[in-house]
């Protein structure tokens, strides 16, 4: 019987683990991927994390987070939570291999999954020109023409990074203004290799064996345009994966878990931290804060 099980080893889960260790809680860190870090592995460069005024790569920050776990002797198990059940004052967590773990409390820090466009050709060309990871695939498109889809911070940051490799980048966003930080928007506007298509949506990805073009549509005029591209990077945002959670937990209208300031959900003993939680700002720094608060809340329960 654990004091708590932390599900997810992204920034929120790592932070919760560090604090749980300091509080001498008997806990388990569960992560479905072999590498810790969650989505901080994805961005090529992070410029807004406190303590790194010159910026740091996502992989380097991941290494530092993982080193912190190692120094404290915190081990994680590679297992995916597929079901949570509550029995009176404790929970049972089941993984994909049907193993059962019992715990007094849970911290859900599983994050989110990439949102799909749900357009023809998206899945067909996944790995054949369609990607969601600029750091992974940018070198394959050196000097080529690509399209990026999205208008948030991640989309803008990754578009700028991709322009260092590609010869031309079409930035497609459904709104007539970009949603990301103004400083990123200014960099987009001044970059001659980036051509924005604002007020457009993607309709279809076309090609034979690999991506060859994308059809976009102007939201106002409904006029369609075909853009010749060699690759497409989709940064259309994220959505929570909460199908494994107890049915009665309260969610917002977008499916994110509602908590109070202590990270407590509507089910006593079940906490949520990081991007899976309903909140306005999803950043590394807020995920880390959530994890620390959740661990502190559990300490008060366990230690009295």
Protein backbone atom coordinates (compact mmCIF):
# COMPACT_ATOMS: atom_id res chain seq x y z
CA UNK A 1 0.00 0.00 0.00
CA UNK A 2 1.74 3.17 -1.21
CA UNK A 3 1.17 6.61 0.26
CA UNK A 4 0.76 7.88 -3.28
CA UNK A 5 1.25 6.82 -6.90
CA UNK A 6 2.39 9.53 -9.31
CA UNK A 7 1.19 8.78 -12.83
CA UNK A 8 3.34 10.53 -15.42
CA UNK A 9 7.01 11.60 -15.40
CA UNK A 10 6.75 14.95 -17.14
CA UNK A 11 7.54 18.22 -15.30
CA UNK A 12 4.56 17.88 -12.93
CA UNK A 13 5.26 14.24 -12.07
CA UNK A 14 8.99 14.84 -11.62
CA UNK A 15 8.34 17.81 -9.35
CA UNK A 16 5.80 15.83 -7.32
CA UNK A 17 8.34 13.00 -6.98
CA UNK A 18 11.08 15.32 -5.73
CA UNK A 19 8.78 16.76 -3.09
CA UNK A 20 7.37 13.34 -2.16
CA UNK A 21 10.92 12.13 -1.62
CA UNK A 22 11.73 15.11 0.59
CA UNK A 23 8.58 14.43 2.60
CA UNK A 24 9.64 10.79 3.02
CA UNK A 25 6.47 9.47 1.44
CA UNK A 26 6.29 5.88 0.25
CA UNK A 27 5.46 6.45 -3.41
CA UNK A 28 5.66 5.02 -6.90
CA UNK A 29 6.43 7.00 -10.07
CA UNK A 30 4.74 5.42 -13.08
CA UNK A 31 5.54 6.45 -16.67
CA UNK A 32 4.53 4.67 -19.88
CA UNK A 33 7.57 5.95 -21.81
CA UNK A 34 11.12 4.78 -21.14
CA UNK A 35 12.37 8.37 -21.17
CA UNK A 36 11.17 10.87 -18.59
CA UNK A 37 10.39 14.49 -19.39
CA UNK A 38 7.05 14.41 -21.16
CA UNK A 39 6.60 17.19 -23.68
CA UNK A 40 9.72 19.10 -22.67
CA UNK A 41 11.52 16.60 -24.90
CA UNK A 42 9.81 18.08 -27.97
CA UNK A 43 10.81 21.76 -28.24
CA UNK A 44 14.20 22.53 -29.76
CA UNK A 45 14.67 25.61 -27.60
CA UNK A 46 12.99 26.87 -24.42
CA UNK A 47 13.39 30.58 -23.68
CA UNK A 48 10.99 31.24 -20.81
CA UNK A 49 11.99 28.82 -18.05
CA UNK A 50 13.33 30.60 -14.98
CA UNK A 51 17.07 30.23 -14.40
CA UNK A 52 18.01 29.93 -18.07
CA UNK A 53 17.97 33.51 -19.42
CA UNK A 54 19.82 32.45 -22.58
CA UNK A 55 17.46 29.53 -23.14
CA UNK A 56 17.98 25.79 -23.03
CA UNK A 57 17.11 22.91 -25.32
CA UNK A 58 14.26 20.65 -24.35
CA UNK A 59 16.54 17.62 -24.26
CA UNK A 60 19.05 19.38 -22.00
CA UNK A 61 16.35 20.45 -19.56
CA UNK A 62 15.03 16.89 -19.58
CA UNK A 63 18.52 15.63 -18.70
CA UNK A 64 18.69 18.02 -15.74
CA UNK A 65 15.25 16.97 -14.49
CA UNK A 66 16.20 13.30 -14.81
CA UNK A 67 19.51 13.90 -13.05
CA UNK A 68 17.59 15.38 -10.13
CA UNK A 69 15.59 12.17 -9.87
CA UNK A 70 18.75 10.08 -10.06
CA UNK A 71 20.56 12.07 -7.37
CA UNK A 72 17.63 11.55 -5.00
CA UNK A 73 17.47 7.85 -5.88
CA UNK A 74 13.96 8.09 -7.31
CA UNK A 75 13.18 5.19 -9.62
CA UNK A 76 10.26 4.98 -11.99
CA UNK A 77 8.52 1.95 -13.40
CA UNK A 78 7.76 1.80 -17.10
CA UNK A 79 4.06 1.03 -17.10
CA UNK A 80 0.94 2.63 -18.53
CA UNK A 81 -2.03 3.21 -16.26
CA UNK A 82 -5.15 1.87 -17.96
CA UNK A 83 -7.63 1.94 -15.09
CA UNK A 84 -8.17 3.46 -11.66
CA UNK A 85 -10.69 2.13 -9.14
CA UNK A 86 -11.53 3.38 -5.67
CA UNK A 87 -12.31 1.06 -2.77
CA UNK A 88 -13.29 2.97 0.35
CA UNK A 89 -10.15 4.73 1.60
CA UNK A 90 -7.72 3.44 -1.05
CA UNK A 91 -7.28 3.14 -4.82
CA UNK A 92 -6.22 0.39 -7.16
CA UNK A 93 -4.18 1.29 -10.23
CA UNK A 94 -4.00 -1.23 -13.06
CA UNK A 95 -1.33 -1.13 -15.77
CA UNK A 96 -1.34 -2.53 -19.30
CA UNK A 97 0.09 -5.85 -18.08
CA UNK A 98 -2.79 -6.30 -15.61
CA UNK A 99 -0.55 -5.57 -12.60
CA UNK A 100 -2.44 -4.02 -9.68
CA UNK A 101 -0.97 -1.40 -7.35
CA UNK A 102 -2.69 -0.18 -4.18
CA UNK A 103 -2.32 3.34 -2.85
CA UNK A 104 -3.88 5.75 -0.39
CA UNK A 105 -3.73 8.67 -2.87
CA UNK A 106 -2.93 9.37 -6.53
CA UNK A 107 -1.36 12.28 -8.41
CA UNK A 108 -2.44 12.33 -12.07
CA UNK A 109 0.33 14.05 -14.03
CA UNK A 110 -0.09 12.32 -17.35
CA UNK A 111 -0.25 15.47 -19.44
CA UNK A 112 -1.94 15.61 -22.82
CA UNK A 113 -1.79 14.10 -26.29
CA UNK A 114 -1.43 15.92 -29.61
CA UNK A 115 -4.72 17.03 -31.13
CA UNK A 116 -5.42 15.57 -34.55
CA UNK A 117 -6.71 17.65 -37.47
CA UNK A 118 -8.94 14.77 -38.57
CA UNK A 119 -8.48 15.56 -42.26
CA UNK A 120 -7.92 13.19 -45.19
CA UNK A 121 -4.28 12.18 -45.60
CA UNK A 122 -3.18 13.05 -42.06
CA UNK A 123 -2.76 9.49 -40.81
CA UNK A 124 -1.84 8.09 -44.21
CA UNK A 125 1.24 10.30 -44.41
CA UNK A 126 2.22 10.16 -40.73
CA UNK A 127 5.97 9.52 -40.87
CA UNK A 128 5.91 10.14 -44.64
CA UNK A 129 6.01 13.90 -44.50
CA UNK A 130 3.54 14.54 -41.65
CA UNK A 131 5.11 15.15 -38.24
CA UNK A 132 4.48 16.81 -34.88
CA UNK A 133 8.13 16.92 -33.78
CA UNK A 134 10.31 19.63 -35.28
CA UNK A 135 13.36 18.58 -33.26
CA UNK A 136 13.04 15.01 -34.57
CA UNK A 137 12.41 15.71 -38.24
CA UNK A 138 13.64 19.21 -39.18
CA UNK A 139 16.95 17.98 -40.69
CA UNK A 140 15.03 15.90 -43.25
CA UNK A 141 13.61 19.07 -44.82
CA UNK A 142 16.75 21.12 -45.37
CA UNK A 143 16.14 23.56 -48.23
CA UNK A 144 12.63 22.19 -48.85
CA UNK A 145 9.15 23.70 -48.63
CA UNK A 146 7.03 22.79 -45.64
CA UNK A 147 3.84 23.89 -43.90
CA UNK A 148 3.22 24.30 -40.20
CA UNK A 149 -0.27 24.34 -38.71
CA UNK A 150 -1.11 26.21 -35.51
CA UNK A 151 -0.85 29.65 -33.95
CA UNK A 152 0.09 29.13 -30.29
CA UNK A 153 3.46 29.47 -28.62
CA UNK A 154 4.60 25.97 -29.55
CA UNK A 155 3.56 26.38 -33.19
CA UNK A 156 5.32 29.73 -33.55
CA UNK A 157 8.47 28.64 -31.77
CA UNK A 158 8.76 25.46 -33.82
CA UNK A 159 7.98 27.33 -37.07
CA UNK A 160 10.89 29.67 -36.38
CA UNK A 161 13.14 26.70 -35.67
CA UNK A 162 12.03 24.87 -38.82
CA UNK A 163 12.81 27.96 -40.92
CA UNK A 164 16.48 27.42 -40.06
CA UNK A 165 16.33 24.25 -42.17
CA UNK A 166 13.56 24.72 -44.73
CA UNK A 167 13.75 26.98 -47.74
CA UNK A 168 10.15 28.16 -47.26
CA UNK A 169 7.60 27.66 -44.48
CA UNK A 170 3.87 28.25 -44.89
CA UNK A 171 2.34 29.02 -41.48
CA UNK A 172 -1.35 28.06 -41.53
CA UNK A 173 -3.61 29.29 -38.75
CA UNK A 174 -7.40 29.44 -38.61
CA UNK A 175 -7.56 32.84 -36.89
CA UNK A 176 -6.63 36.14 -38.51
CA UNK A 177 -4.14 36.84 -35.72
CA UNK A 178 -1.57 34.62 -34.04
CA UNK A 179 -2.32 33.42 -30.50
CA UNK A 180 1.28 33.07 -29.36
CA UNK A 181 3.49 35.51 -27.50
CA UNK A 182 4.04 38.88 -29.19
CA UNK A 183 7.81 38.38 -29.26
CA UNK A 184 7.34 35.21 -31.31
CA UNK A 185 4.86 36.92 -33.62
CA UNK A 186 7.41 39.66 -34.29
CA UNK A 187 10.02 37.05 -35.21
CA UNK A 188 7.55 35.40 -37.57
CA UNK A 189 6.74 38.72 -39.27
CA UNK A 190 10.40 39.61 -39.80
CA UNK A 191 11.44 36.19 -41.12
CA UNK A 192 11.58 36.21 -44.95
CA UNK A 193 11.40 32.42 -45.10
CA UNK A 194 8.00 32.26 -43.34
CA UNK A 195 4.80 33.02 -45.27
CA UNK A 196 1.72 33.17 -43.01
CA UNK A 197 -1.69 31.99 -44.21
CA UNK A 198 -3.87 33.52 -41.50
CA UNK A 199 -7.60 32.84 -41.53
CA UNK A 200 -7.06 29.49 -43.28
CA UNK A 201 -7.79 25.88 -42.34
CA UNK A 202 -6.25 22.71 -43.73
CA UNK A 203 -8.68 20.53 -45.70
CA UNK A 204 -6.62 17.68 -47.13
CA UNK A 205 -3.09 16.34 -47.38
CA UNK A 206 -2.30 14.93 -50.82
CA UNK A 207 0.45 12.77 -52.29
CA UNK A 208 1.38 9.34 -53.60
CA UNK A 209 3.98 7.71 -51.37
CA UNK A 210 4.89 10.93 -49.57
CA UNK A 211 3.35 14.35 -48.94
CA UNK A 212 3.21 16.49 -52.08
CA UNK A 213 0.69 19.23 -51.31
CA UNK A 214 -1.87 20.50 -48.84
CA UNK A 215 -5.26 22.03 -49.62
CA UNK A 216 -6.20 25.03 -47.46
CA UNK A 217 -9.39 27.06 -47.33
CA UNK A 218 -9.99 30.70 -46.49
CA UNK A 219 -12.50 30.78 -43.64
CA UNK A 220 -14.26 33.91 -44.87
CA UNK A 221 -14.33 33.47 -48.65
CA UNK A 222 -14.29 29.63 -48.67
CA UNK A 223 -11.77 29.83 -51.52
CA UNK A 224 -9.44 26.82 -51.66
CA UNK A 225 -5.71 26.92 -52.40
CA UNK A 226 -3.30 24.06 -53.03
CA UNK A 227 0.21 24.55 -51.64
CA UNK A 228 3.09 22.44 -52.93
CA UNK A 229 4.96 21.13 -49.88
CA UNK A 230 7.43 18.41 -48.99
CA UNK A 231 6.35 18.15 -45.38
CA UNK A 232 3.72 19.24 -42.87
CA UNK A 233 4.22 19.85 -39.16
CA UNK A 234 1.06 19.86 -37.07
CA UNK A 235 0.98 21.92 -33.85
CA UNK A 236 -2.78 22.14 -33.40
CA UNK A 237 -2.73 21.99 -29.63
CA UNK A 238 -3.31 19.21 -27.15
CA UNK A 239 -6.16 17.40 -25.47
CA UNK A 240 -6.35 15.39 -22.23
CA UNK A 241 -6.44 11.61 -22.15
CA UNK A 242 -8.74 10.86 -19.27
CA UNK A 243 -10.53 7.69 -20.34
CA UNK A 244 -8.66 5.68 -17.69
CA UNK A 245 -9.91 7.81 -14.79
CA UNK A 246 -12.81 7.07 -12.46
CA UNK A 247 -16.03 8.06 -14.24
CA UNK A 248 -17.24 10.36 -11.48
CA UNK A 249 -14.27 12.74 -11.53
CA UNK A 250 -15.35 16.26 -12.52
CA UNK A 251 -14.09 17.55 -15.89
CA UNK A 252 -14.46 20.90 -17.63
CA UNK A 253 -16.17 21.28 -21.02
CA UNK A 254 -12.91 20.40 -22.81
CA UNK A 255 -12.27 17.26 -20.81
CA UNK A 256 -9.57 18.61 -18.49
CA UNK A 257 -9.70 17.66 -14.80
CA UNK A 258 -11.09 20.29 -12.43
CA UNK A 259 -9.16 20.78 -9.18
CA UNK A 260 -9.01 23.27 -6.35
CA UNK A 261 -5.88 25.24 -5.41
CA UNK A 262 -4.53 22.20 -3.57
CA UNK A 263 -4.74 20.12 -6.79
CA UNK A 264 -7.55 18.05 -5.22
CA UNK A 265 -10.10 16.68 -7.70
CA UNK A 266 -13.77 16.03 -6.97
CA UNK A 267 -12.76 12.60 -5.62
CA UNK A 268 -11.05 12.67 -2.18
CA UNK A 269 -7.49 11.41 -2.42
CA UNK A 270 -7.27 11.87 -6.20
CA UNK A 271 -5.10 14.81 -7.25
CA UNK A 272 -4.18 16.20 -10.66
CA UNK A 273 -1.18 18.28 -11.69
CA UNK A 274 0.24 19.72 -14.89
CA UNK A 275 -1.33 19.96 -18.33
CA UNK A 276 -4.08 17.43 -17.61
CA UNK A 277 -5.58 19.90 -15.14
CA UNK A 278 -8.13 22.57 -16.08
CA UNK A 279 -6.25 25.91 -16.03
CA UNK A 280 -5.43 28.93 -18.15
CA UNK A 281 -1.66 28.60 -18.56
CA UNK A 282 0.01 25.33 -19.51
CA UNK A 283 3.74 25.84 -19.22
CA UNK A 284 6.65 23.92 -17.70
CA UNK A 285 6.81 26.31 -14.78
CA UNK A 286 3.11 25.92 -13.91
CA UNK A 287 3.34 22.13 -14.22
CA UNK A 288 6.30 22.07 -11.82
CA UNK A 289 4.35 24.24 -9.37
CA UNK A 290 1.29 21.97 -9.61
CA UNK A 291 3.39 18.91 -8.81
CA UNK A 292 4.91 20.51 -5.73
CA UNK A 293 1.50 21.60 -4.43
CA UNK A 294 -0.02 18.16 -5.00
CA UNK A 295 2.80 16.45 -3.07
CA UNK A 296 2.43 18.96 -0.23
CA UNK A 297 -1.32 18.31 -0.09
CA UNK A 298 -0.74 14.57 0.15
CA UNK A 299 1.87 15.03 2.85
CA UNK A 300 -0.76 16.79 4.96
CA UNK A 301 -3.14 13.86 4.44
CA UNK A 302 -0.58 11.14 5.20
CA UNK A 303 1.34 12.83 7.99
CA UNK A 304 -1.69 14.51 9.54
